[in-house]
Structure formats: structure tokens, C-alpha cells
Amino acid sequence: MAIPDKMPIFVVNLYIILKVVNALKKILTRTTDLHPLPDEIFTHYQAAKATENNCFCSAPMVSMRIGTDGTVYACNHNTSFPLGKFPGQSLQEIWKGRPIKKLRRHLQHNDFSLGCTMCGEDALNGRFDAASFTMFDKYKSGKWPAMLDFRLSNVCNLQCIMCSGLSSTQFIQNRGPADTIYDTEFFNQLEAFIPHLDTARFIGGEPFAIPVYYEIWKRIVRLNPDCKIIVQTNATILNDRIKALASKGKFHFSVSLDSLDKATYESIRRKADFDQVMDHIRYFAHYASESQRDFVLCFCPMRMNYKEIPAFIDFSNELGGMICLNRFLYPAHLAVWSLPANEISKILQFLSAYQPPEQTPAAANNARFFRDYLNLLQQWIDQAQHRKSHKNSSAEVAALTEPLLTLARENEDLYAKMQQIAQHPELQQLYGYLKPVQDYYSPQLFFEFLETADIKKVLEDIGAVKY
């Protein structure tokens, strides 16, 4: 601490006191608003992943996720802590803004309390392989984000049974032309970011049905041809335009495939043609093999298809692909987590009999993801046992419903739907249904879902939570 020369002694003393007070303020501020995970958990993570990172998650240091309404988040799993909103703020203002700095500080101290509940739970339970925060390990932080994650539209050509108007326009009646805020100004702002990108990720809806994405892809190919372009597709659309883009850019395809049986697949992915999709999958797999790109197959494990997981892994290994077993939560009547503990135990027992091969790096990766899913099933068994043994009070349920009712008051339709939800007569089921909403999503995301949802079906879905 340098003290200016030729200062009276009382001024020097005051100067020292002020410095000490300010230092104490910083220490107190730094410690009282942070809730880090225990150090031993992070030490275990470092050893398990052989990483030298100094925190679990670097998402806000390296990434931004841009949503359909212009809201920007750090990643696709944190929709509770917005960083800003376009076009009210520029992308650069958001990247340098106060909210993202706050989130960076918390995650640098392994504090997952700012909307990062899902990843915090994964860290606590040692689910390191499938945890979303691991995807950011490879990026280096700098003046610009290394990754941009785009979810600019919900335009889709399918009407999947586990989907809603939140992710597909097929559920929205009387839909007119897509109205988008992503115009020339947005593209111009993006052009400052694109040269610095390592990765750009695109989801929908169906990305190949979203015109604005083609504009972004053209700019990436022109400004940063080495940028990794990840597209999460349902594999129903493949044409010469897509193939031409893929020949110019470094595309990596991630395909949703929820069954290898034609009848089951088409009952899940309504409006899709199984045979056509399988042809497209083989094209994407061949493209990945020839160009040495990643190829990922994503599976939503549900009550109706969980027995196919071993065959799905074997099929992925045949194609040299990596798997993703999604943490599927809603609708509850299709999900595994909402079953009674004894039924989830039977699923765990069935899947545990399968021993995935590990002869190749991709197969070994798939085996790790499979074991991670078995770990998740055990967590769901524990939660189901708790549902059975713990009788939720009206106060516990009110703690979930009242904040949602308060936030929904400004929208008459939403408020009416929330009132019906809050009045569900079975408290155990209502609490079980809304707890994941609180833990893993945000009121805004839940309200976006409710806007296009049939409230009768939502109420029926609440009844699907068993205990």
C-alpha cells in the first residue's frame, strides 16, 4: 500500500483506515454472496477429467446463447439468468455487461446458484461426463466469445409427441409468416464476432427449415471458414443447398433419433419418414467420416423406448458416432423420472445388464455416457422414494406456485392457466411436477410453453407424476 509523500499524520491515519475498510468491504462482499461447492468435489472433478481448469464451468467466459426473442444467456441450460436482450442492447454491450460479469464471478468460484441448478446437481453427484459444463472446457477465454449458440426460431416441420409450441410451430394454430427480429443490423453485429469464433451451434425448431440460419452460415463460411458449425437436426431435410454449404464450411451434424423401429419412430416423430431419415443419417455419418468431423446421435429416453438404448448405442458405434442420452423431463407422462421408484429400478436393472463395447475412442465415450445415464436413473430412484415417503405440505406447494402466479398476472390467459395448475387437488403430484421447473428451467421458459399448451393436457400430465 503506497502512501503519498508529505501528508499530515492524521491524514495518513485516515488514509490507512479507509484503505483497510475498502479491503474489508471487498472481502465481505466476495464471501457473503457466494455459495461455492466444496473444494473436494472440484478436486475429484479435476482428477476424473484430467483438466487443469480452475473452475467447473467457463460458459460465461467463452460463450453466449441467443434465444428466439433476443434474450441472451450464457448457455442453453440456464434460462433463469438473462445477460441482456437484443435489439435493446447490442451483442457487444451484452458481452461486456454487468450481468455476465456477475455470472462469471460466481462460476469462477464454483457457485452454481445463478440459474445453474442442473449443472450444480451434476457436479454434486459426480455426473461429469454428461454434465453440460464440460463442453466449455476446450475453449479459451478472451476479448470475444469462442462460441455462439443460436436458437433464433422454433420453425419446425415435425410434431413430435414430446414437443410443444415452445420448440415447434406445428403446434401453433393459425400461424402466419415467421416474424423475426434478426435482420441486417443483427447480421452486421455478428460479423464482428464471427472471425473470433471457434464454434457456432444451431438448434431449432429444425435448423434447416429456418431461413435466418442460412444467412449466418454464409457469413461464417466467408469470414471464418475454420469455424466449427454444429447443427442439431431431425434429419428430415437434406438437399443440394445444404450439401453445397457443407462442402464449404466445417459442419458437424448432431441428429435426433429416438427409435430404430420404423413404427415406434414415426409414432414419436410425427410427420417424419423413417426410411428417408435413415438415408439422411447415413449421408451425415459418411460426410463426418470423410471430412473427419464429429457426428452425434441424440436419443430421448422415454417410457416407450428405453429398451432400445443398447441397440441405439450399438448402431451409433457402427457409424462411428457419439451418443447423447438427453435428460428427458417433460411431458411427465412420457418421462422415466416421474415413475414410482420400483418401476425406475426395473429400468435400471434392465439397462445394467448391457455391457457397451469400448474398442474405439467413440465407443469408449459412448460407454461413459451410458454409465452416466445409469447414475441419473439412480438419482431418479432416490427422488421417487422421497416423493413416496415425504408428504408435501400446502406451504411447500405454495412456494412453487405463488411466484409463478405473481409473474403471470400481467397476462390474462397465462394467469388463468396458472390458477388451474395451482388448484390441482393432488399436492404430491403438483409439487413433483413443478419442482423440476423450478430447478432446471425458468418462469419465462415455462410461460412460453404454457402459451401454446392445452391446459387440460397439462393437468393430465401433472397426474402422471407417481409416488
Protein backbone atom coordinates (compact mmCIF):
# COMPACT_ATOMS: atom_id res chain seq x y z
CA MET A 1 0.00 0.00 0.00
CA ALA A 2 1.76 3.18 -1.19
CA ILE A 3 1.24 6.29 0.99
CA PRO A 4 1.59 9.69 -0.69
CA ASP A 5 4.58 11.78 0.48
CA LYS A 6 4.32 14.88 2.73
CA MET A 7 0.91 14.14 4.25
CA PRO A 8 -0.02 15.15 7.86
CA ILE A 9 -0.07 12.22 10.27
CA PHE A 10 -3.86 12.36 10.89
CA VAL A 11 -4.43 12.33 7.13
CA VAL A 12 -2.10 9.35 6.81
CA ASN A 13 -4.01 7.52 9.54
CA LEU A 14 -7.34 8.32 7.86
CA TYR A 15 -5.93 7.19 4.53
CA ILE A 16 -4.84 3.85 6.04
CA ILE A 17 -8.19 3.36 7.76
CA LEU A 18 -10.09 3.97 4.51
CA LYS A 19 -7.88 1.54 2.66
CA VAL A 20 -8.45 -1.14 5.30
CA VAL A 21 -12.22 -0.54 5.28
CA ASN A 22 -12.37 -0.81 1.49
CA ALA A 23 -10.32 -4.01 1.56
CA LEU A 24 -12.64 -5.49 4.19
CA LYS A 25 -15.66 -4.49 2.12
CA LYS A 26 -14.28 -6.36 -0.87
CA ILE A 27 -13.57 -9.46 1.23
CA LEU A 28 -17.02 -9.42 2.84
CA THR A 29 -18.76 -8.82 -0.49
CA ARG A 30 -16.76 -11.57 -2.09
CA THR A 31 -17.62 -14.15 0.56
CA THR A 32 -21.17 -13.36 1.65
CA ASP A 33 -22.86 -13.52 -1.76
CA LEU A 34 -21.08 -16.67 -2.95
CA HIS A 35 -22.09 -20.27 -2.31
CA PRO A 36 -19.34 -22.44 -3.79
CA LEU A 37 -19.42 -26.22 -3.90
CA PRO A 38 -16.99 -27.95 -1.52
CA ASP A 39 -13.38 -27.90 -2.72
CA GLU A 40 -13.12 -31.70 -2.56
CA ILE A 41 -15.80 -32.08 -5.24
CA PHE A 42 -13.85 -29.88 -7.62
CA THR A 43 -10.63 -31.77 -6.80
CA HIS A 44 -12.42 -35.00 -7.67
CA TYR A 45 -13.61 -33.45 -10.95
CA GLN A 46 -10.08 -32.33 -11.88
CA ALA A 47 -8.75 -35.83 -11.24
CA ALA A 48 -11.58 -37.57 -13.11
CA LYS A 49 -11.36 -35.32 -16.17
CA ALA A 50 -7.58 -34.71 -16.06
CA THR A 51 -8.21 -31.00 -16.50
CA GLU A 52 -6.22 -28.03 -15.28
CA ASN A 53 -9.22 -25.68 -15.36
CA ASN A 54 -9.62 -23.63 -12.19
CA CYS A 55 -13.43 -23.90 -12.10
CA PHE A 56 -16.18 -26.30 -13.16
CA CYS A 57 -17.78 -24.07 -15.78
CA SER A 58 -16.36 -21.37 -18.04
CA ALA A 59 -19.54 -20.82 -20.10
CA PRO A 60 -19.94 -17.05 -19.48
CA MET A 61 -16.23 -16.54 -20.07
CA VAL A 62 -16.33 -18.12 -23.54
CA SER A 63 -19.92 -18.34 -24.77
CA MET A 64 -23.29 -16.67 -25.40
CA ARG A 65 -26.62 -18.29 -26.24
CA ILE A 66 -29.12 -16.16 -28.25
CA GLY A 67 -32.81 -17.06 -27.94
CA THR A 68 -35.89 -16.65 -30.10
CA ASP A 69 -36.97 -13.35 -28.52
CA GLY A 70 -33.50 -11.79 -28.46
CA THR A 71 -32.71 -12.73 -24.86
CA VAL A 72 -29.09 -13.78 -24.39
CA TYR A 73 -27.91 -16.37 -21.88
CA ALA A 74 -24.57 -17.98 -21.13
CA CYS A 75 -25.71 -21.43 -22.26
CA ASN A 76 -28.76 -23.48 -23.21
CA HIS A 77 -29.35 -24.84 -19.69
CA ASN A 78 -29.51 -21.54 -17.83
CA THR A 79 -32.64 -19.63 -18.78
CA SER A 80 -33.10 -18.12 -15.31
CA PHE A 81 -30.27 -15.58 -15.51
CA PRO A 82 -30.51 -13.46 -18.68
CA LEU A 83 -27.45 -11.48 -19.68
CA GLY A 84 -29.28 -8.94 -21.85
CA LYS A 85 -31.61 -8.66 -24.80
CA PHE A 86 -31.20 -7.77 -28.47
CA PRO A 87 -32.04 -5.36 -30.09
CA GLY A 88 -32.42 -3.21 -26.96
CA GLN A 89 -28.75 -3.90 -26.30
CA SER A 90 -26.05 -4.66 -28.82
CA LEU A 91 -24.31 -8.03 -28.68
CA GLN A 92 -21.08 -6.34 -27.61
CA GLU A 93 -22.85 -4.47 -24.80
CA ILE A 94 -24.23 -7.78 -23.54
CA TRP A 95 -20.84 -9.50 -23.76
CA LYS A 96 -19.26 -6.71 -21.69
CA GLY A 97 -22.24 -6.06 -19.43
CA ARG A 98 -22.72 -6.28 -15.68
CA PRO A 99 -24.89 -9.46 -15.61
CA ILE A 100 -22.35 -11.58 -17.47
CA LYS A 101 -19.57 -10.28 -15.22
CA LYS A 102 -21.60 -11.31 -12.17
CA LEU A 103 -22.20 -14.81 -13.54
CA ARG A 104 -18.51 -15.15 -14.41
CA ARG A 105 -17.54 -14.28 -10.85
CA HIS A 106 -19.92 -16.81 -9.34
CA LEU A 107 -18.86 -19.65 -11.63
CA GLN A 108 -15.18 -18.82 -11.18
CA HIS A 109 -15.84 -19.63 -7.51
CA ASN A 110 -17.78 -22.82 -8.41
CA ASP A 111 -21.05 -21.22 -7.33
CA PHE A 112 -23.96 -22.55 -9.41
CA SER A 113 -26.67 -20.51 -7.68
CA LEU A 114 -27.40 -18.06 -10.52
CA GLY A 115 -29.68 -20.31 -12.55
CA CYS A 116 -27.20 -23.16 -12.97
CA THR A 117 -29.01 -25.69 -10.77
CA MET A 118 -28.87 -28.60 -13.22
CA CYS A 119 -25.10 -28.43 -13.62
CA GLY A 120 -24.62 -27.86 -9.90
CA GLU A 121 -26.57 -31.05 -9.24
CA ASP A 122 -24.50 -32.92 -11.83
CA ALA A 123 -21.29 -31.75 -10.15
CA LEU A 124 -22.54 -32.75 -6.69
CA ASN A 125 -23.47 -36.21 -7.94
CA GLY A 126 -20.28 -36.78 -9.91
CA ARG A 127 -22.03 -36.84 -13.31
CA PHE A 128 -19.00 -35.32 -15.02
CA ASP A 129 -19.17 -36.99 -18.45
CA ALA A 130 -22.71 -35.90 -19.34
CA ALA A 131 -22.63 -32.57 -17.49
CA SER A 132 -23.14 -29.62 -19.82
CA PHE A 133 -20.34 -27.58 -18.28
CA THR A 134 -17.73 -29.95 -19.70
CA MET A 135 -18.49 -28.77 -23.25
CA PHE A 136 -16.84 -25.42 -22.49
CA ASP A 137 -13.55 -26.88 -21.21
CA LYS A 138 -11.89 -26.76 -24.61
CA TYR A 139 -12.42 -23.04 -25.21
CA LYS A 140 -10.02 -20.31 -24.16
CA SER A 141 -11.45 -17.13 -22.69
CA GLY A 142 -10.59 -13.85 -24.38
CA LYS A 143 -11.96 -10.50 -25.50
CA TRP A 144 -14.53 -12.24 -27.72
CA PRO A 145 -16.65 -15.34 -27.19
CA ALA A 146 -15.20 -18.53 -28.63
CA MET A 147 -18.69 -19.99 -29.06
CA LEU A 148 -22.11 -18.65 -30.06
CA ASP A 149 -25.17 -20.82 -29.55
CA PHE A 150 -28.18 -19.88 -31.72
CA ARG A 151 -31.81 -20.70 -31.01
CA LEU A 152 -33.32 -17.95 -33.14
CA SER A 153 -36.55 -19.66 -34.21
CA ASN A 154 -38.91 -22.51 -33.37
CA VAL A 155 -39.89 -23.13 -37.01
CA CYS A 156 -40.13 -26.89 -37.47
CA ASN A 157 -41.64 -29.40 -39.89
CA LEU A 158 -42.43 -32.10 -37.30
CA GLN A 159 -44.95 -32.52 -34.49
CA CYS A 160 -43.12 -34.84 -32.10
CA ILE A 161 -45.10 -36.24 -29.18
CA MET A 162 -42.67 -34.86 -26.59
CA CYS A 163 -42.60 -31.40 -28.12
CA SER A 164 -44.78 -28.27 -27.85
CA GLY A 165 -45.23 -24.83 -29.37
CA LEU A 166 -42.09 -23.85 -27.47
CA SER A 167 -39.94 -25.76 -29.97
CA SER A 168 -42.18 -26.36 -32.98
CA THR A 169 -44.52 -24.15 -34.96
CA GLN A 170 -46.50 -27.27 -35.89
CA PHE A 171 -48.31 -26.96 -32.54
CA ILE A 172 -49.38 -23.35 -33.16
CA GLN A 173 -52.71 -22.86 -34.94
CA ASN A 174 -53.27 -20.03 -37.42
CA ARG A 175 -49.57 -19.31 -37.60
CA GLY A 176 -48.68 -16.60 -40.10
CA PRO A 177 -45.32 -15.73 -41.63
CA ALA A 178 -42.43 -16.00 -39.18
CA ASP A 179 -41.77 -12.61 -37.60
CA THR A 180 -38.12 -12.23 -36.71
CA ILE A 181 -36.07 -9.52 -35.02
CA TYR A 182 -32.95 -10.90 -36.64
CA ASP A 183 -32.35 -8.52 -39.52
CA THR A 184 -29.48 -6.77 -41.28
CA GLU A 185 -28.44 -4.98 -38.08
CA PHE A 186 -28.12 -8.31 -36.31
CA PHE A 187 -26.02 -9.77 -39.13
CA ASN A 188 -23.80 -6.69 -39.10
CA GLN A 189 -23.22 -7.03 -35.36
CA LEU A 190 -22.47 -10.74 -35.78
CA GLU A 191 -19.77 -10.02 -38.35
CA ALA A 192 -17.59 -8.51 -35.59
CA PHE A 193 -17.87 -11.77 -33.60
CA ILE A 194 -17.57 -14.37 -36.36
CA PRO A 195 -13.81 -14.05 -37.05
CA HIS A 196 -13.09 -14.92 -33.38
CA LEU A 197 -15.35 -17.97 -33.15
CA ASP A 198 -14.14 -21.49 -32.64
CA THR A 199 -17.69 -22.90 -32.69
CA ALA A 200 -21.19 -21.83 -33.74
CA ARG A 201 -24.08 -24.06 -32.68
CA PHE A 202 -27.57 -24.04 -34.21
CA ILE A 203 -30.76 -25.58 -32.86
CA GLY A 204 -34.46 -25.01 -33.53
CA GLY A 205 -37.13 -25.94 -34.33
CA GLU A 206 -35.43 -27.56 -37.27
CA PRO A 207 -32.34 -25.54 -38.31
CA PHE A 208 -32.59 -26.49 -42.00
CA ALA A 209 -36.13 -25.03 -42.06
CA ILE A 210 -35.00 -21.66 -40.61
CA PRO A 211 -34.01 -19.10 -43.32
CA VAL A 212 -32.06 -16.80 -40.99
CA TYR A 213 -29.55 -19.59 -40.30
CA TYR A 214 -28.57 -19.82 -43.97
CA GLU A 215 -27.60 -16.13 -43.85
CA ILE A 216 -25.40 -16.75 -40.82
CA TRP A 217 -23.81 -19.85 -42.33
CA LYS A 218 -22.87 -17.91 -45.48
CA ARG A 219 -21.15 -15.26 -43.37
CA ILE A 220 -19.30 -17.83 -41.29
CA VAL A 221 -18.03 -19.61 -44.40
CA ARG A 222 -16.87 -16.26 -45.81
CA LEU A 223 -15.40 -14.67 -42.67
CA ASN A 224 -14.16 -17.69 -40.71
CA PRO A 225 -14.07 -20.90 -42.80
CA ASP A 226 -12.31 -22.73 -39.94
CA CYS A 227 -15.22 -22.18 -37.56
CA LYS A 228 -16.86 -25.39 -36.37
CA ILE A 229 -20.58 -25.26 -37.30
CA ILE A 230 -22.72 -27.65 -35.22
CA VAL A 231 -26.27 -28.27 -36.44
CA GLN A 232 -28.83 -30.15 -34.31
CA THR A 233 -31.20 -31.57 -36.92
CA ASN A 234 -34.06 -34.06 -37.13
CA ALA A 235 -32.52 -35.28 -40.43
CA THR A 236 -35.74 -34.86 -42.40
CA ILE A 237 -34.31 -32.16 -44.69
CA LEU A 238 -31.31 -32.73 -46.94
CA ASN A 239 -30.92 -31.05 -50.33
CA ASP A 240 -28.30 -29.68 -52.72
CA ARG A 241 -28.19 -26.30 -50.94
CA ILE A 242 -27.26 -27.99 -47.65
CA LYS A 243 -24.71 -30.23 -49.33
CA ALA A 244 -23.11 -27.21 -51.05
CA LEU A 245 -22.80 -25.36 -47.74
CA ALA A 246 -21.36 -28.48 -46.09
CA SER A 247 -18.70 -28.69 -48.79
CA LYS A 248 -17.54 -25.15 -47.96
CA GLY A 249 -17.88 -24.97 -44.18
CA LYS A 250 -16.79 -27.19 -41.33
CA PHE A 251 -20.19 -28.63 -40.49
CA HIS A 252 -20.70 -31.13 -37.68
CA PHE A 253 -24.11 -32.80 -37.59
CA SER A 254 -25.98 -33.88 -34.50
CA VAL A 255 -29.09 -35.91 -35.32
CA SER A 256 -32.13 -36.70 -33.17
CA LEU A 257 -33.10 -40.36 -33.40
CA ASP A 258 -35.47 -41.82 -30.79
CA SER A 259 -36.02 -45.30 -32.17
CA LEU A 260 -34.58 -47.77 -34.67
CA ASP A 261 -38.01 -49.27 -35.23
CA LYS A 262 -39.98 -47.63 -38.04
CA ALA A 263 -43.38 -47.80 -36.34
CA THR A 264 -42.07 -46.54 -32.98
CA TYR A 265 -40.00 -43.80 -34.60
CA GLU A 266 -42.89 -42.48 -36.67
CA SER A 267 -45.23 -42.59 -33.67
CA ILE A 268 -42.75 -40.34 -31.80
CA ARG A 269 -41.54 -38.11 -34.64
CA ARG A 270 -44.88 -37.36 -36.23
CA LYS A 271 -44.76 -36.26 -39.89
CA ALA A 272 -41.30 -37.83 -40.36
CA ASP A 273 -40.47 -40.64 -42.80
CA PHE A 274 -38.24 -43.19 -41.04
CA ASP A 275 -36.68 -44.62 -44.21
CA GLN A 276 -35.82 -41.17 -45.55
CA VAL A 277 -34.36 -40.12 -42.20
CA MET A 278 -32.15 -43.23 -42.05
CA ASP A 279 -30.84 -42.45 -45.55
CA HIS A 280 -30.00 -38.92 -44.45
CA ILE A 281 -28.34 -40.18 -41.26
CA ARG A 282 -26.05 -42.40 -43.31
CA TYR A 283 -25.19 -39.41 -45.53
CA PHE A 284 -24.30 -37.30 -42.48
CA ALA A 285 -22.25 -40.15 -40.98
CA HIS A 286 -20.36 -40.64 -44.27
CA TYR A 287 -19.76 -36.88 -44.54
CA ALA A 288 -18.35 -36.85 -40.98
CA SER A 289 -16.10 -39.83 -41.67
CA GLU A 290 -14.76 -38.45 -44.97
CA SER A 291 -14.13 -34.94 -43.59
CA GLN A 292 -13.02 -36.07 -40.11
CA ARG A 293 -15.85 -34.22 -38.38
CA ASP A 294 -17.87 -35.09 -35.29
CA PHE A 295 -21.11 -36.97 -35.76
CA VAL A 296 -23.55 -37.24 -32.85
CA LEU A 297 -26.77 -39.20 -32.44
CA CYS A 298 -29.17 -37.92 -29.76
CA PHE A 299 -31.75 -40.10 -28.05
CA CYS A 300 -34.61 -39.05 -25.74
CA PRO A 301 -35.06 -41.99 -23.34
CA MET A 302 -38.76 -42.34 -22.54
CA ARG A 303 -41.06 -44.95 -21.05
CA MET A 304 -41.85 -46.24 -24.54
CA ASN A 305 -38.30 -46.58 -25.92
CA TYR A 306 -35.77 -47.03 -23.08
CA LYS A 307 -35.31 -50.71 -24.01
CA GLU A 308 -33.79 -49.56 -27.31
CA ILE A 309 -30.86 -47.77 -25.67
CA PRO A 310 -28.43 -50.73 -26.06
CA ALA A 311 -29.33 -51.13 -29.77
CA PHE A 312 -29.05 -47.36 -30.21
CA ILE A 313 -25.51 -47.40 -28.78
CA ASP A 314 -24.52 -50.32 -31.00
CA PHE A 315 -25.92 -48.51 -34.06
CA SER A 316 -24.00 -45.34 -33.15
CA ASN A 317 -20.81 -47.35 -32.77
CA GLU A 318 -21.35 -48.89 -36.21
CA LEU A 319 -21.49 -45.41 -37.74
CA GLY A 320 -18.54 -44.15 -35.70
CA GLY A 321 -20.83 -41.66 -33.98
CA MET A 322 -21.01 -40.35 -30.45
CA ILE A 323 -24.22 -40.59 -28.45
CA CYS A 324 -26.17 -38.13 -26.37
CA LEU A 325 -28.78 -39.51 -23.94
CA ASN A 326 -30.93 -36.50 -23.18
CA ARG A 327 -32.17 -35.75 -19.69
CA PHE A 328 -35.81 -36.01 -20.72
CA LEU A 329 -38.23 -34.42 -18.22
CA TYR A 330 -41.46 -33.32 -19.93
CA PRO A 331 -44.15 -34.30 -20.72
CA ALA A 332 -44.15 -36.19 -17.42
CA HIS A 333 -46.37 -38.99 -18.73
CA LEU A 334 -43.67 -39.93 -21.25
CA ALA A 335 -40.73 -39.48 -18.88
CA VAL A 336 -38.96 -42.04 -16.71
CA TRP A 337 -38.27 -39.77 -13.71
CA SER A 338 -41.99 -39.47 -12.88
CA LEU A 339 -42.48 -43.24 -12.41
CA PRO A 340 -42.60 -44.89 -8.97
CA ALA A 341 -39.20 -45.90 -7.57
CA ASN A 342 -39.78 -49.62 -8.09
CA GLU A 343 -40.50 -49.14 -11.80
CA ILE A 344 -37.42 -46.96 -12.34
CA SER A 345 -35.44 -49.67 -10.50
CA LYS A 346 -36.64 -52.24 -13.04
CA ILE A 347 -35.47 -49.98 -15.88
CA LEU A 348 -32.09 -49.56 -14.20
CA GLN A 349 -31.82 -53.32 -13.72
CA PHE A 350 -32.70 -53.98 -17.36
CA LEU A 351 -30.18 -51.49 -18.74
CA SER A 352 -27.42 -52.52 -16.31
CA ALA A 353 -27.36 -55.94 -17.96
CA TYR A 354 -25.97 -54.33 -21.13
CA GLN A 355 -22.19 -54.02 -21.37
CA PRO A 356 -21.33 -51.43 -24.04
CA PRO A 357 -18.20 -52.10 -26.11
CA GLU A 358 -15.23 -49.73 -25.72
CA GLN A 359 -12.87 -50.78 -28.52
CA THR A 360 -12.74 -47.35 -30.21
CA PRO A 361 -12.48 -43.83 -28.75
CA ALA A 362 -16.06 -43.08 -29.85
CA ALA A 363 -17.35 -46.34 -28.33
CA ALA A 364 -15.49 -45.66 -25.08
CA ASN A 365 -17.06 -42.20 -24.98
CA ASN A 366 -20.49 -43.74 -25.55
CA ALA A 367 -19.93 -46.22 -22.74
CA ARG A 368 -19.14 -43.36 -20.35
CA PHE A 369 -22.33 -41.54 -21.34
CA PHE A 370 -24.31 -44.75 -20.83
CA ARG A 371 -22.91 -45.21 -17.32
CA ASP A 372 -23.72 -41.58 -16.61
CA TYR A 373 -27.33 -42.26 -17.57
CA LEU A 374 -27.43 -45.22 -15.19
CA ASN A 375 -26.22 -42.85 -12.48
CA LEU A 376 -29.05 -40.46 -13.37
CA LEU A 377 -31.58 -43.29 -13.07
CA GLN A 378 -30.34 -43.97 -9.56
CA GLN A 379 -30.84 -40.30 -8.69
CA TRP A 380 -34.40 -40.51 -10.01
CA ILE A 381 -35.00 -43.61 -7.88
CA ASP A 382 -33.86 -41.67 -4.81
CA GLN A 383 -36.14 -38.76 -5.73
CA ALA A 384 -39.11 -41.08 -6.31
CA GLN A 385 -38.52 -42.70 -2.92
CA HIS A 386 -38.51 -39.25 -1.35
CA ARG A 387 -41.80 -38.42 -3.11
CA LYS A 388 -43.31 -41.54 -1.59
CA SER A 389 -42.01 -41.01 1.94
CA HIS A 390 -42.46 -37.24 2.22
CA LYS A 391 -45.94 -35.75 2.22
CA ASN A 392 -45.72 -32.26 0.75
CA SER A 393 -47.47 -29.53 2.69
CA SER A 394 -49.62 -26.81 1.16
CA ALA A 395 -46.89 -24.34 2.15
CA GLU A 396 -44.28 -26.25 0.13
CA VAL A 397 -46.56 -26.29 -2.91
CA ALA A 398 -47.38 -22.59 -2.48
CA ALA A 399 -43.66 -21.81 -2.51
CA LEU A 400 -43.62 -23.17 -6.08
CA THR A 401 -46.94 -21.85 -7.36
CA GLU A 402 -47.21 -18.37 -5.83
CA PRO A 403 -44.13 -16.88 -7.56
CA LEU A 404 -45.44 -18.19 -10.90
CA LEU A 405 -48.91 -16.77 -10.23
CA THR A 406 -47.41 -13.39 -9.38
CA LEU A 407 -45.33 -13.28 -12.53
CA ALA A 408 -48.26 -14.42 -14.70
CA ARG A 409 -50.68 -11.70 -13.53
CA GLU A 410 -49.83 -9.37 -16.41
CA ASN A 411 -51.08 -11.93 -18.96
CA GLU A 412 -54.74 -12.86 -18.55
CA ASP A 413 -54.53 -16.19 -20.39
CA LEU A 414 -51.34 -17.28 -18.62
CA TYR A 415 -52.74 -16.30 -15.24
CA ALA A 416 -55.92 -18.32 -15.86
CA LYS A 417 -53.82 -21.37 -16.77
CA MET A 418 -51.58 -20.92 -13.73
CA GLN A 419 -54.63 -20.68 -11.47
CA GLN A 420 -55.88 -24.03 -12.76
CA ILE A 421 -52.46 -25.56 -12.22
CA ALA A 422 -52.20 -24.16 -8.68
CA GLN A 423 -55.63 -25.59 -7.84
CA HIS A 424 -54.68 -29.14 -8.77
CA PRO A 425 -56.10 -31.25 -5.94
CA GLU A 426 -53.19 -33.66 -5.55
CA LEU A 427 -50.40 -31.75 -3.76
CA GLN A 428 -47.83 -34.55 -4.06
CA GLN A 429 -48.18 -34.73 -7.82
CA LEU A 430 -48.28 -30.94 -8.28
CA TYR A 431 -45.12 -30.47 -6.23
CA GLY A 432 -43.34 -33.26 -8.09
CA TYR A 433 -44.35 -31.78 -11.44
CA LEU A 434 -43.26 -28.21 -10.68
CA LYS A 435 -40.04 -28.95 -8.79
CA PRO A 436 -38.02 -29.67 -11.97
CA VAL A 437 -39.45 -26.47 -13.47
CA GLN A 438 -38.01 -24.55 -10.54
CA ASP A 439 -34.70 -26.41 -10.54
CA TYR A 440 -33.91 -26.67 -14.24
CA TYR A 441 -35.91 -24.07 -16.13
CA SER A 442 -37.19 -20.55 -15.62
CA PRO A 443 -40.65 -18.94 -15.29
CA GLN A 444 -40.17 -17.31 -18.70
CA LEU A 445 -39.50 -20.66 -20.38
CA PHE A 446 -42.41 -22.32 -18.56
CA PHE A 447 -44.73 -19.49 -19.60
CA GLU A 448 -43.58 -19.77 -23.23
CA PHE A 449 -44.59 -23.43 -23.04
CA LEU A 450 -47.96 -22.63 -21.41
CA GLU A 451 -48.85 -20.04 -24.06
CA THR A 452 -49.41 -22.75 -26.68
CA ALA A 453 -50.21 -25.65 -24.33
CA ASP A 454 -53.63 -27.26 -23.88
CA ILE A 455 -54.27 -26.73 -20.15
CA LYS A 456 -56.36 -29.91 -19.96
CA LYS A 457 -53.34 -31.90 -21.14
CA VAL A 458 -51.07 -30.09 -18.67
CA LEU A 459 -53.40 -31.02 -15.81
CA GLU A 460 -53.45 -34.62 -17.00
CA ASP A 461 -49.66 -34.56 -17.19
CA ILE A 462 -49.42 -33.46 -13.56
CA GLY A 463 -51.35 -36.61 -12.71
CA ALA A 464 -48.63 -38.70 -14.37
CA VAL A 465 -46.18 -38.00 -11.52
CA LYS A 466 -46.26 -41.15 -9.39
CA TYR A 467 -45.11 -41.81 -5.83
